[in-house]
Amino acid sequence: MSLQIEFKTNYRFINPAFEKAVREAIKQFLEKAVAKAQSKAPKRTGNLAASITYLLSEKAAEIRVGAPYAAYVEYGTKPHLILPKTAQALRFEVGGEVVYAKRVHHPGTQPQPFLRPAVAEALVEFHELFKRILEGELR
């Protein structure tokens, strides 16, 4: 799961000081968004929060969540049937006891948004900073 923000520039028309200020604002946005997402992510093992990173290149900025189950946490899941893939039965623990089942009717999970709220909060701060850059306060 990733959120990609792409920005394009035409270097012939951009003032170098303005470009530097914008790149720094984008970097600050990414750092804040990642920190906020990490703090909002459920902490059962800590793997989800640890997998949240960002990438900033010349033409694009991206927030990445490397945990393969991130979308299920962010958006939740509908009730679904779980069947064994290679074995004849599923094996899991319930209350410390080992249980075997040929199928499980999973009730689904509630969404636990961590990335979208973090990005929304960081965007408010980015908007204010970008406004100051456009007004010439930061260069």
Protein backbone atom coordinates (compact mmCIF):
# COMPACT_ATOMS: atom_id res chain seq x y z
CA MET A 1 0.00 0.00 0.00
CA SER A 2 1.42 3.36 -0.87
CA LEU A 3 0.40 6.92 -1.35
CA GLN A 4 2.23 8.61 -4.18
CA ILE A 5 2.46 12.34 -4.60
CA GLU A 6 4.02 13.42 -7.85
CA PHE A 7 5.27 16.90 -8.56
CA LYS A 8 6.62 18.13 -11.86
CA THR A 9 8.87 21.07 -12.36
CA ASN A 10 10.07 23.11 -15.29
CA TYR A 11 13.52 24.16 -14.18
CA ARG A 12 13.81 26.91 -16.79
CA PHE A 13 11.16 28.94 -14.97
CA ILE A 14 11.79 28.17 -11.33
CA ASN A 15 13.87 30.35 -9.09
CA PRO A 16 16.49 28.10 -7.39
CA ALA A 17 15.71 29.55 -3.94
CA PHE A 18 11.99 28.90 -4.48
CA GLU A 19 12.70 25.35 -5.66
CA LYS A 20 14.89 24.67 -2.62
CA ALA A 21 12.20 25.99 -0.27
CA VAL A 22 9.50 23.86 -1.93
CA ARG A 23 11.66 20.71 -1.78
CA GLU A 24 12.37 21.34 1.90
CA ALA A 25 8.65 21.85 2.57
CA ILE A 26 7.86 18.56 0.81
CA LYS A 27 10.54 16.78 2.84
CA GLN A 28 9.11 18.21 6.07
CA PHE A 29 5.63 17.10 5.00
CA LEU A 30 6.86 13.56 4.32
CA GLU A 31 8.70 13.35 7.64
CA LYS A 32 5.68 14.60 9.59
CA ALA A 33 3.23 12.37 7.73
CA VAL A 34 5.40 9.29 8.34
CA ALA A 35 5.89 10.14 12.04
CA LYS A 36 2.16 10.70 12.50
CA ALA A 37 1.28 7.47 10.64
CA GLN A 38 3.77 5.52 12.73
CA SER A 39 2.25 6.88 15.94
CA LYS A 40 -1.32 6.11 14.76
CA ALA A 41 -0.58 2.58 13.47
CA PRO A 42 -1.79 -0.26 15.72
CA LYS A 43 1.13 -1.61 17.75
CA ARG A 44 0.43 -5.34 18.14
CA THR A 45 3.95 -6.28 16.96
CA GLY A 46 5.28 -2.89 15.82
CA ASN A 47 5.94 -4.28 12.32
CA LEU A 48 3.31 -2.08 10.65
CA ALA A 49 4.66 1.17 12.11
CA ALA A 50 8.25 0.15 11.34
CA SER A 51 7.35 -0.49 7.70
CA ILE A 52 6.19 3.12 7.09
CA THR A 53 8.82 5.09 5.18
CA TYR A 54 9.09 7.77 2.53
CA LEU A 55 10.99 8.27 -0.69
CA LEU A 56 11.81 11.66 -2.18
CA SER A 57 13.32 11.89 -5.66
CA GLU A 58 13.76 14.66 -8.20
CA LYS A 59 10.25 14.25 -9.63
CA ALA A 60 8.15 12.44 -7.02
CA ALA A 61 7.47 11.93 -3.35
CA GLU A 62 6.03 8.73 -1.97
CA ILE A 63 4.95 7.43 1.40
CA ARG A 64 5.31 3.66 1.54
CA VAL A 65 3.87 1.11 3.91
CA GLY A 66 5.71 -2.16 3.46
CA ALA A 67 3.66 -4.47 5.66
CA PRO A 68 1.62 -6.66 3.27
CA TYR A 69 -1.46 -6.42 5.50
CA ALA A 70 -1.45 -2.61 5.73
CA ALA A 71 -4.50 -2.12 3.50
CA TYR A 72 -6.51 -4.59 5.60
CA VAL A 73 -5.71 -2.57 8.71
CA GLU A 74 -6.39 0.80 7.06
CA TYR A 75 -9.67 -0.17 5.36
CA GLY A 76 -10.82 -3.21 7.36
CA THR A 77 -12.18 -6.42 5.88
CA LYS A 78 -15.64 -7.81 5.15
CA PRO A 79 -16.76 -11.12 6.65
CA HIS A 80 -15.08 -13.91 4.73
CA LEU A 81 -14.44 -17.63 4.65
CA ILE A 82 -10.93 -18.94 5.39
CA LEU A 83 -10.04 -22.35 3.92
CA PRO A 84 -6.76 -24.29 4.18
CA LYS A 85 -4.51 -23.86 1.14
CA THR A 86 -2.31 -26.95 1.32
CA ALA A 87 -3.35 -28.86 4.46
CA GLN A 88 -6.62 -30.58 5.22
CA ALA A 89 -7.36 -28.34 8.19
CA LEU A 90 -6.49 -24.96 9.66
CA ARG A 91 -4.58 -24.90 12.95
CA PHE A 92 -4.71 -21.98 15.38
CA GLU A 93 -4.91 -21.23 19.09
CA VAL A 94 -7.94 -20.00 21.01
CA GLY A 95 -7.55 -19.24 24.69
CA GLY A 96 -4.28 -21.19 24.85
CA GLU A 97 -5.77 -24.33 23.26
CA VAL A 98 -4.89 -25.63 19.82
CA VAL A 99 -7.93 -25.84 17.53
CA TYR A 100 -8.28 -27.53 14.13
CA ALA A 101 -10.98 -26.56 11.63
CA LYS A 102 -11.75 -27.31 7.99
CA ARG A 103 -12.99 -23.74 7.53
CA VAL A 104 -13.40 -20.55 9.53
CA HIS A 105 -16.11 -17.95 9.02
CA HIS A 106 -14.13 -14.81 9.82
CA PRO A 107 -16.40 -11.94 10.97
CA GLY A 108 -14.23 -9.31 9.29
CA THR A 109 -12.29 -6.51 10.91
CA GLN A 110 -13.07 -2.88 11.58
CA PRO A 111 -10.95 -0.29 9.75
CA GLN A 112 -8.14 1.23 11.80
CA PRO A 113 -7.10 4.17 9.62
CA PHE A 114 -3.57 5.33 10.35
CA LEU A 115 -2.20 6.56 7.01
CA ARG A 116 -5.05 8.71 5.65
CA PRO A 117 -5.55 10.68 8.91
CA ALA A 118 -1.79 11.18 9.26
CA VAL A 119 -1.48 12.53 5.71
CA ALA A 120 -4.51 14.79 6.22
CA GLU A 121 -2.98 16.27 9.39
CA ALA A 122 0.43 16.75 7.77
CA LEU A 123 -1.21 18.38 4.71
CA VAL A 124 -2.70 21.12 6.90
CA GLU A 125 0.79 22.03 8.12
CA PHE A 126 2.22 21.70 4.58
CA HIS A 127 -0.48 24.03 3.24
CA GLU A 128 0.47 26.73 5.75
CA LEU A 129 4.18 26.34 5.04
CA PHE A 130 3.62 26.39 1.27
CA LYS A 131 1.47 29.50 1.59
CA ARG A 132 4.35 31.23 3.40
CA ILE A 133 6.75 30.16 0.63
CA LEU A 134 4.44 31.59 -2.05
CA GLU A 135 4.12 34.83 -0.13
CA GLY A 136 7.92 35.09 -0.12
CA GLU A 137 8.44 34.69 3.62
CA LEU A 138 10.64 31.59 3.29
CA ARG A 139 13.38 31.38 0.69
